[in-house]
Amino acid sequence: MNRVLLTARIVERGPMRYTPAGLPALDMRLSHAEPVEQDGPPRQVSLEIHATAIGGLVSRLQALAVGDTADFAGYLAKQRNGRGVMLHITELTIPSIIDRTSN
């Protein structure tokens, strides 16, 4: 099963665009960092990943600012240019109160 759950911060967001089918689409870059314990002492793990959303989620994502954190769910696929992977966002959970002072 190809399913990803990620709490991440938006570090970059492109302009809204439309797919050839006329659906709204939004590309962004997400960042995540936290300590992880696995067979030994904790270590800091961090990543940045390209992500995209298509359809109804786009308007919800536009309500978030660069620097905001949310819970993203979706699946991984190749980027359009064939290099690397991209998270295709299918679900979004936005915290009820976004604390913009901690970013």
Protein backbone atom coordinates (compact mmCIF):
# COMPACT_ATOMS: atom_id res chain seq x y z
CA MET A 1 0.00 0.00 0.00
CA ASN A 2 1.31 3.45 -0.89
CA ARG A 3 0.08 5.73 1.92
CA VAL A 4 1.89 8.56 3.65
CA LEU A 5 0.89 10.47 6.80
CA LEU A 6 3.05 13.50 7.53
CA THR A 7 2.86 16.46 9.87
CA ALA A 8 4.79 19.14 8.03
CA ARG A 9 5.38 22.85 7.61
CA ILE A 10 4.77 24.59 4.29
CA VAL A 11 8.09 26.10 3.20
CA GLU A 12 7.16 27.09 -0.34
CA ARG A 13 3.91 27.35 -2.28
CA GLY A 14 3.51 27.94 -5.99
CA PRO A 15 0.67 29.78 -7.67
CA MET A 16 -2.59 27.98 -8.29
CA ARG A 17 -2.73 26.42 -11.74
CA TYR A 18 -5.20 24.27 -13.65
CA THR A 19 -4.76 20.73 -14.95
CA PRO A 20 -5.60 19.96 -18.60
CA ALA A 21 -8.92 18.64 -17.26
CA GLY A 22 -9.64 22.06 -15.73
CA LEU A 23 -9.13 21.11 -12.09
CA PRO A 24 -7.32 23.52 -9.74
CA ALA A 25 -3.84 22.33 -8.71
CA LEU A 26 -1.30 23.63 -6.23
CA ASP A 27 2.37 22.65 -5.88
CA MET A 28 4.33 23.19 -2.68
CA ARG A 29 7.33 22.08 -0.70
CA LEU A 30 6.87 20.63 2.79
CA SER A 31 9.37 20.27 5.62
CA HIS A 32 9.37 17.95 8.63
CA ALA A 33 11.89 17.53 11.46
CA GLU A 34 11.75 15.62 14.73
CA PRO A 35 13.85 13.35 16.94
CA VAL A 36 13.37 9.63 16.23
CA GLU A 37 14.43 6.65 18.33
CA GLN A 38 15.35 3.44 16.55
CA ASP A 39 17.74 0.84 17.98
CA GLY A 40 19.74 3.31 20.01
CA PRO A 41 19.87 6.93 21.05
CA PRO A 42 17.47 9.41 19.47
CA ARG A 43 18.61 11.24 16.37
CA GLN A 44 17.24 14.26 14.57
CA VAL A 45 15.53 13.32 11.30
CA SER A 46 14.49 15.95 8.78
CA LEU A 47 13.23 16.04 5.23
CA GLU A 48 11.81 18.29 2.56
CA ILE A 49 9.46 16.92 -0.05
CA HIS A 50 7.65 18.32 -3.05
CA ALA A 51 3.89 17.95 -2.80
CA THR A 52 0.86 18.63 -4.97
CA ALA A 53 -2.89 18.83 -4.42
CA ILE A 54 -5.61 18.72 -7.05
CA GLY A 55 -9.29 19.60 -6.81
CA GLY A 56 -11.19 20.57 -3.68
CA LEU A 57 -8.18 20.55 -1.34
CA VAL A 58 -6.59 23.47 -3.20
CA SER A 59 -8.89 26.09 -1.66
CA ARG A 60 -8.22 24.71 1.83
CA LEU A 61 -4.46 24.77 1.24
CA GLN A 62 -4.61 28.35 0.00
CA ALA A 63 -5.97 29.34 3.42
CA LEU A 64 -2.62 28.30 4.93
CA ALA A 65 0.42 30.56 4.88
CA VAL A 66 4.01 29.62 4.22
CA GLY A 67 5.31 28.58 7.64
CA ASP A 68 2.03 26.99 8.80
CA THR A 69 1.96 23.35 9.90
CA ALA A 70 -0.75 20.82 9.05
CA ASP A 71 -1.29 17.06 8.79
CA PHE A 72 -1.04 15.78 5.21
CA ALA A 73 -2.03 12.35 3.91
CA GLY A 74 -1.64 10.95 0.44
CA TYR A 75 0.57 8.77 -1.73
CA LEU A 76 4.01 8.98 -3.31
CA ALA A 77 4.67 9.04 -7.06
CA LYS A 78 7.40 10.26 -9.40
CA GLN A 79 7.70 13.98 -9.97
CA ARG A 80 6.52 15.20 -13.35
CA ASN A 81 10.14 15.54 -14.53
CA GLY A 82 10.80 11.93 -13.49
CA ARG A 83 13.39 12.84 -10.84
CA GLY A 84 12.63 12.18 -7.20
CA VAL A 85 9.29 11.61 -5.52
CA MET A 86 6.31 13.84 -4.89
CA LEU A 87 3.62 13.57 -2.22
CA HIS A 88 0.17 13.69 -3.83
CA ILE A 89 -2.02 15.12 -1.08
CA THR A 90 -5.45 13.49 -0.77
CA GLU A 91 -6.34 14.51 2.79
CA LEU A 92 -5.60 17.55 4.90
CA THR A 93 -6.14 18.26 8.59
CA ILE A 94 -5.59 21.88 9.59
CA PRO A 95 -5.12 22.66 13.29
CA SER A 96 -8.05 24.70 14.60
CA ILE A 97 -5.70 27.41 15.83
CA ILE A 98 -2.53 28.11 13.89
CA ASP A 99 0.13 29.76 16.04
CA ARG A 100 2.01 31.97 13.56
CA THR A 101 4.31 33.32 16.31
CA SER A 102 6.21 30.03 16.72
CA ASN A 103 7.37 29.84 13.09
